Amino acid sequence: MKATDPVCKMTIEEQDAAATVSYGNETYHFCSESCKDKFLKSPEEFLSGKPPVEQAPETDAVYTCPMH
């Protein structure tokens, strides 16, 4: 049976899932351990249907256009 990873939205076969988590009377299947770990940090963020908010890394980099 096919399942959709709630983190990356990849479609996988349930029997091929790298990880499985039960949460709120549902079982979720993941394509990788890293997707499972992201889910466990904030499951409601991924189940709400809203895109997750990515935090920009703190850097002092200055963007330079490659055509400049």
PDB file of N, CA and C in Angstrom:
ATOM      1  N   MET A   1       0.842  -1.177   0.000  1.00  0.00           N
ATOM      2  CA  MET A   1       0.000   0.000   0.000  1.00  0.00           C
ATOM      3  C   MET A   1       0.890   1.244   0.000  1.00  0.00           C
ATOM      4  N   LYS A   2       0.486   2.262  -0.720  1.00  0.00           N
ATOM      5  CA  LYS A   2       1.271   3.494  -0.819  1.00  0.00           C
ATOM      6  C   LYS A   2       0.958   4.443   0.337  1.00  0.00           C
ATOM      7  N   ALA A   3       1.979   5.195   0.725  1.00  0.00           N
ATOM      8  CA  ALA A   3       1.832   6.196   1.780  1.00  0.00           C
ATOM      9  C   ALA A   3       2.602   7.441   1.352  1.00  0.00           C
ATOM     10  N   THR A   4       2.205   8.575   1.879  1.00  0.00           N
ATOM     11  CA  THR A   4       2.896   9.829   1.604  1.00  0.00           C
ATOM     12  C   THR A   4       3.616  10.292   2.859  1.00  0.00           C
ATOM     13  N   ASP A   5       4.912  10.512   2.727  1.00  0.00           N
ATOM     14  CA  ASP A   5       5.715  11.025   3.831  1.00  0.00           C
ATOM     15  C   ASP A   5       5.177  12.420   4.165  1.00  0.00           C
ATOM     16  N   PRO A   6       4.734  12.669   5.418  1.00  0.00           N
ATOM     17  CA  PRO A   6       4.145  13.968   5.757  1.00  0.00           C
ATOM     18  C   PRO A   6       5.154  15.125   5.769  1.00  0.00           C
ATOM     19  N   VAL A   7       6.430  14.829   5.743  1.00  0.00           N
ATOM     20  CA  VAL A   7       7.447  15.884   5.778  1.00  0.00           C
ATOM     21  C   VAL A   7       7.825  16.324   4.368  1.00  0.00           C
ATOM     22  N   CYS A   8       8.289  15.390   3.549  1.00  0.00           N
ATOM     23  CA  CYS A   8       8.780  15.750   2.208  1.00  0.00           C
ATOM     24  C   CYS A   8       7.759  15.483   1.108  1.00  0.00           C
ATOM     25  N   LYS A   9       6.641  14.853   1.476  1.00  0.00           N
ATOM     26  CA  LYS A   9       5.541  14.541   0.551  1.00  0.00           C
ATOM     27  C   LYS A   9       5.901  13.477  -0.486  1.00  0.00           C
ATOM     28  N   MET A  10       6.980  12.745  -0.271  1.00  0.00           N
ATOM     29  CA  MET A  10       7.368  11.675  -1.178  1.00  0.00           C
ATOM     30  C   MET A  10       6.404  10.500  -1.022  1.00  0.00           C
ATOM     31  N   THR A  11       6.037   9.877  -2.132  1.00  0.00           N
ATOM     32  CA  THR A  11       5.183   8.698  -2.092  1.00  0.00           C
ATOM     33  C   THR A  11       6.073   7.470  -1.984  1.00  0.00           C
ATOM     34  N   ILE A  12       5.779   6.636  -0.982  1.00  0.00           N
ATOM     35  CA  ILE A  12       6.565   5.428  -0.749  1.00  0.00           C
ATOM     36  C   ILE A  12       5.628   4.260  -0.504  1.00  0.00           C
ATOM     37  N   GLU A  13       6.144   3.055  -0.653  1.00  0.00           N
ATOM     38  CA  GLU A  13       5.404   1.859  -0.270  1.00  0.00           C
ATOM     39  C   GLU A  13       5.551   1.698   1.241  1.00  0.00           C
ATOM     40  N   GLU A  14       4.453   1.399   1.925  1.00  0.00           N
ATOM     41  CA  GLU A  14       4.503   1.285   3.386  1.00  0.00           C
ATOM     42  C   GLU A  14       5.555   0.283   3.842  1.00  0.00           C
ATOM     43  N   GLN A  15       5.675  -0.844   3.149  1.00  0.00           N
ATOM     44  CA  GLN A  15       6.634  -1.872   3.565  1.00  0.00           C
ATOM     45  C   GLN A  15       8.080  -1.445   3.323  1.00  0.00           C
ATOM     46  N   ASP A  16       8.299  -0.411   2.509  1.00  0.00           N
ATOM     47  CA  ASP A  16       9.649   0.076   2.231  1.00  0.00           C
ATOM     48  C   ASP A  16      10.024   1.291   3.075  1.00  0.00           C
ATOM     49  N   ALA A  17       9.144   1.714   3.955  1.00  0.00           N
ATOM     50  CA  ALA A  17       9.397   2.918   4.761  1.00  0.00           C
ATOM     51  C   ALA A  17      10.644   2.740   5.626  1.00  0.00           C
ATOM     52  N   ALA A  18      11.455   3.797   5.686  1.00  0.00           N
ATOM     53  CA  ALA A  18      12.665   3.785   6.516  1.00  0.00           C
ATOM     54  C   ALA A  18      12.314   3.922   7.993  1.00  0.00           C
ATOM     55  N   ALA A  19      11.143   4.513   8.273  1.00  0.00           N
ATOM     56  CA  ALA A  19      10.711   4.709   9.662  1.00  0.00           C
ATOM     57  C   ALA A  19       9.187   4.830   9.694  1.00  0.00           C
ATOM     58  N   THR A  20       8.617   4.478  10.823  1.00  0.00           N
ATOM     59  CA  THR A  20       7.176   4.557  11.035  1.00  0.00           C
ATOM     60  C   THR A  20       6.922   5.122  12.422  1.00  0.00           C
ATOM     61  N   VAL A  21       5.935   6.016  12.522  1.00  0.00           N
ATOM     62  CA  VAL A  21       5.600   6.634  13.808  1.00  0.00           C
ATOM     63  C   VAL A  21       4.093   6.610  13.979  1.00  0.00           C
ATOM     64  N   SER A  22       3.644   6.266  15.175  1.00  0.00           N
ATOM     65  CA  SER A  22       2.227   6.372  15.520  1.00  0.00           C
ATOM     66  C   SER A  22       2.035   7.688  16.263  1.00  0.00           C
ATOM     67  N   TYR A  23       1.050   8.464  15.808  1.00  0.00           N
ATOM     68  CA  TYR A  23       0.791   9.764  16.425  1.00  0.00           C
ATOM     69  C   TYR A  23      -0.693  10.074  16.264  1.00  0.00           C
ATOM     70  N   GLY A  24      -1.364  10.359  17.350  1.00  0.00           N
ATOM     71  CA  GLY A  24      -2.775  10.730  17.306  1.00  0.00           C
ATOM     72  C   GLY A  24      -3.662   9.717  16.606  1.00  0.00           C
ATOM     73  N   ASN A  25      -3.538   8.455  16.945  1.00  0.00           N
ATOM     74  CA  ASN A  25      -4.345   7.372  16.368  1.00  0.00           C
ATOM     75  C   ASN A  25      -4.086   7.140  14.882  1.00  0.00           C
ATOM     76  N   GLU A  26      -3.001   7.645  14.361  1.00  0.00           N
ATOM     77  CA  GLU A  26      -2.613   7.437  12.963  1.00  0.00           C
ATOM     78  C   GLU A  26      -1.190   6.893  12.923  1.00  0.00           C
ATOM     79  N   THR A  27      -0.880   6.182  11.858  1.00  0.00           N
ATOM     80  CA  THR A  27       0.478   5.703  11.625  1.00  0.00           C
ATOM     81  C   THR A  27       1.022   6.434  10.418  1.00  0.00           C
ATOM     82  N   TYR A  28       2.202   7.014  10.562  1.00  0.00           N
ATOM     83  CA  TYR A  28       2.847   7.773   9.494  1.00  0.00           C
ATOM     84  C   TYR A  28       4.116   7.050   9.071  1.00  0.00           C
ATOM     85  N   HIS A  29       4.345   7.021   7.761  1.00  0.00           N
ATOM     86  CA  HIS A  29       5.498   6.339   7.181  1.00  0.00           C
ATOM     87  C   HIS A  29       6.432   7.382   6.579  1.00  0.00           C
ATOM     88  N   PHE A  30       7.735   7.163   6.746  1.00  0.00           N
ATOM     89  CA  PHE A  30       8.728   8.135   6.323  1.00  0.00           C
ATOM     90  C   PHE A  30       9.737   7.511   5.370  1.00  0.00           C
ATOM     91  N   CYS A  31      10.213   8.338   4.430  1.00  0.00           N
ATOM     92  CA  CYS A  31      11.195   7.863   3.451  1.00  0.00           C
ATOM     93  C   CYS A  31      12.584   7.760   4.062  1.00  0.00           C
ATOM     94  N   SER A  32      12.819   8.485   5.159  1.00  0.00           N
ATOM     95  CA  SER A  32      14.148   8.482   5.788  1.00  0.00           C
ATOM     96  C   SER A  32      14.025   8.788   7.275  1.00  0.00           C
ATOM     97  N   GLU A  33      15.076   8.467   7.992  1.00  0.00           N
ATOM     98  CA  GLU A  33      15.133   8.780   9.427  1.00  0.00           C
ATOM     99  C   GLU A  33      15.116  10.285   9.650  1.00  0.00           C
ATOM    100  N   SER A  34      15.734  11.054   8.739  1.00  0.00           N
ATOM    101  CA  SER A  34      15.770  12.511   8.933  1.00  0.00           C
ATOM    102  C   SER A  34      14.368  13.112   8.819  1.00  0.00           C
ATOM    103  N   CYS A  35      13.529  12.587   7.917  1.00  0.00           N
ATOM    104  CA  CYS A  35      12.148  13.074   7.838  1.00  0.00           C
ATOM    105  C   CYS A  35      11.384  12.714   9.110  1.00  0.00           C
ATOM    106  N   LYS A  36      11.612  11.520   9.635  1.00  0.00           N
ATOM    107  CA  LYS A  36      10.972  11.118  10.893  1.00  0.00           C
ATOM    108  C   LYS A  36      11.387  12.051  12.023  1.00  0.00           C
ATOM    109  N   ASP A  37      12.677  12.366  12.103  1.00  0.00           N
ATOM    110  CA  ASP A  37      13.176  13.240  13.167  1.00  0.00           C
ATOM    111  C   ASP A  37      12.571  14.643  13.064  1.00  0.00           C
ATOM    112  N   LYS A  38      12.460  15.174  11.851  1.00  0.00           N
ATOM    113  CA  LYS A  38      11.838  16.491  11.661  1.00  0.00           C
ATOM    114  C   LYS A  38      10.379  16.455  12.099  1.00  0.00           C
ATOM    115  N   PHE A  39       9.679  15.392  11.759  1.00  0.00           N
ATOM    116  CA  PHE A  39       8.277  15.237  12.140  1.00  0.00           C
ATOM    117  C   PHE A  39       8.120  15.212  13.659  1.00  0.00           C
ATOM    118  N   LEU A  40       8.969  14.440  14.330  1.00  0.00           N
ATOM    119  CA  LEU A  40       8.855  14.303  15.780  1.00  0.00           C
ATOM    120  C   LEU A  40       9.148  15.603  16.528  1.00  0.00           C
ATOM    121  N   LYS A  41       9.931  16.498  15.938  1.00  0.00           N
ATOM    122  CA  LYS A  41      10.210  17.786  16.575  1.00  0.00           C
ATOM    123  C   LYS A  41       8.981  18.687  16.576  1.00  0.00           C
ATOM    124  N   SER A  42       8.134  18.553  15.542  1.00  0.00           N
ATOM    125  CA  SER A  42       6.976  19.428  15.424  1.00  0.00           C
ATOM    126  C   SER A  42       5.888  18.784  14.560  1.00  0.00           C
ATOM    127  N   PRO A  43       5.248  17.725  15.044  1.00  0.00           N
ATOM    128  CA  PRO A  43       4.274  17.002  14.216  1.00  0.00           C
ATOM    129  C   PRO A  43       3.097  17.847  13.747  1.00  0.00           C
ATOM    130  N   GLU A  44       2.584  18.704  14.592  1.00  0.00           N
ATOM    131  CA  GLU A  44       1.415  19.513  14.205  1.00  0.00           C
ATOM    132  C   GLU A  44       1.737  20.468  13.063  1.00  0.00           C
ATOM    133  N   GLU A  45       2.970  20.898  12.981  1.00  0.00           N
ATOM    134  CA  GLU A  45       3.386  21.781  11.887  1.00  0.00           C
ATOM    135  C   GLU A  45       3.224  21.069  10.543  1.00  0.00           C
ATOM    136  N   PHE A  46       3.567  19.787  10.491  1.00  0.00           N
ATOM    137  CA  PHE A  46       3.479  19.033   9.243  1.00  0.00           C
ATOM    138  C   PHE A  46       2.065  18.531   8.971  1.00  0.00           C
ATOM    139  N   LEU A  47       1.275  18.346   9.998  1.00  0.00           N
ATOM    140  CA  LEU A  47      -0.083  17.837   9.813  1.00  0.00           C
ATOM    141  C   LEU A  47      -1.102  18.942   9.565  1.00  0.00           C
ATOM    142  N   SER A  48      -0.723  20.193   9.794  1.00  0.00           N
ATOM    143  CA  SER A  48      -1.656  21.305   9.641  1.00  0.00           C
ATOM    144  C   SER A  48      -1.934  21.642   8.183  1.00  0.00           C
ATOM    145  N   GLY A  49      -1.079  21.191   7.280  1.00  0.00           N
ATOM    146  CA  GLY A  49      -1.257  21.509   5.867  1.00  0.00           C
ATOM    147  C   GLY A  49      -0.586  22.801   5.454  1.00  0.00           C
ATOM    148  N   LYS A  50      -0.084  23.548   6.432  1.00  0.00           N
ATOM    149  CA  LYS A  50       0.632  24.785   6.132  1.00  0.00           C
ATOM    150  C   LYS A  50       2.095  24.448   5.879  1.00  0.00           C
ATOM    151  N   PRO A  51       2.747  25.166   4.968  1.00  0.00           N
ATOM    152  CA  PRO A  51       4.169  24.881   4.754  1.00  0.00           C
ATOM    153  C   PRO A  51       4.978  25.237   5.992  1.00  0.00           C
ATOM    154  N   PRO A  52       5.978  24.407   6.322  1.00  0.00           N
ATOM    155  CA  PRO A  52       6.795  24.702   7.496  1.00  0.00           C
ATOM    156  C   PRO A  52       7.598  25.977   7.294  1.00  0.00           C
ATOM    157  N   VAL A  53       7.825  26.669   8.389  1.00  0.00           N
ATOM    158  CA  VAL A  53       8.600  27.904   8.346  1.00  0.00           C
ATOM    159  C   VAL A  53      10.065  27.534   8.525  1.00  0.00           C
ATOM    160  N   GLU A  54      10.849  27.816   7.512  1.00  0.00           N
ATOM    161  CA  GLU A  54      12.282  27.523   7.573  1.00  0.00           C
ATOM    162  C   GLU A  54      12.995  28.707   8.205  1.00  0.00           C
ATOM    163  N   GLN A  55      13.905  28.419   9.090  1.00  0.00           N
ATOM    164  CA  GLN A  55      14.709  29.455   9.710  1.00  0.00           C
ATOM    165  C   GLN A  55      15.954  29.676   8.871  1.00  0.00           C
ATOM    166  N   ALA A  56      16.203  30.906   8.484  1.00  0.00           N
ATOM    167  CA  ALA A  56      17.400  31.229   7.717  1.00  0.00           C
ATOM    168  C   ALA A  56      18.607  31.175   8.636  1.00  0.00           C
ATOM    169  N   PRO A  57      19.698  30.602   8.159  1.00  0.00           N
ATOM    170  CA  PRO A  57      20.894  30.560   9.007  1.00  0.00           C
ATOM    171  C   PRO A  57      21.469  31.960   9.200  1.00  0.00           C
ATOM    172  N   GLU A  58      22.068  32.154  10.350  1.00  0.00           N
ATOM    173  CA  GLU A  58      22.696  33.439  10.647  1.00  0.00           C
ATOM    174  C   GLU A  58      24.033  33.494   9.910  1.00  0.00           C
ATOM    175  N   THR A  59      24.148  34.379   8.932  1.00  0.00           N
ATOM    176  CA  THR A  59      25.396  34.517   8.189  1.00  0.00           C
ATOM    177  C   THR A  59      25.669  35.985   7.918  1.00  0.00           C
ATOM    178  N   ASP A  60      26.891  36.246   7.588  1.00  0.00           N
ATOM    179  CA  ASP A  60      27.289  37.595   7.185  1.00  0.00           C
ATOM    180  C   ASP A  60      27.569  37.633   5.682  1.00  0.00           C
ATOM    181  N   ALA A  61      27.056  36.650   4.954  1.00  0.00           N
ATOM    182  CA  ALA A  61      27.318  36.549   3.523  1.00  0.00           C
ATOM    183  C   ALA A  61      26.595  37.676   2.778  1.00  0.00           C
ATOM    184  N   VAL A  62      27.222  38.124   1.722  1.00  0.00           N
ATOM    185  CA  VAL A  62      26.658  39.155   0.874  1.00  0.00           C
ATOM    186  C   VAL A  62      26.443  38.544  -0.500  1.00  0.00           C
ATOM    187  N   TYR A  63      25.232  38.623  -1.007  1.00  0.00           N
ATOM    188  CA  TYR A  63      24.929  38.066  -2.317  1.00  0.00           C
ATOM    189  C   TYR A  63      25.508  38.938  -3.408  1.00  0.00           C
ATOM    190  N   THR A  64      26.173  38.304  -4.357  1.00  0.00           N
ATOM    191  CA  THR A  64      26.691  38.993  -5.528  1.00  0.00           C
ATOM    192  C   THR A  64      26.120  38.296  -6.756  1.00  0.00           C
ATOM    193  N   CYS A  65      25.504  39.039  -7.622  1.00  0.00           N
ATOM    194  CA  CYS A  65      24.921  38.482  -8.841  1.00  0.00           C
ATOM    195  C   CYS A  65      26.029  37.882  -9.692  1.00  0.00           C
ATOM    196  N   PRO A  66      25.875  36.641 -10.156  1.00  0.00           N
ATOM    197  CA  PRO A  66      26.921  36.027 -10.968  1.00  0.00           C
ATOM    198  C   PRO A  66      27.117  36.720 -12.317  1.00  0.00           C
ATOM    199  N   MET A  67      26.162  37.556 -12.738  1.00  0.00           N
ATOM    200  CA  MET A  67      26.291  38.279 -13.997  1.00  0.00           C
ATOM    201  C   MET A  67      26.980  39.633 -13.797  1.00  0.00           C
ATOM    202  N   HIS A  68      27.276  39.964 -12.551  1.00  0.00           N
ATOM    203  CA  HIS A  68      27.863  41.272 -12.250  1.00  0.00           C
ATOM    204  C   HIS A  68      29.341  41.291 -12.583  1.00  0.00           C
TER     205      HIS A  68
END
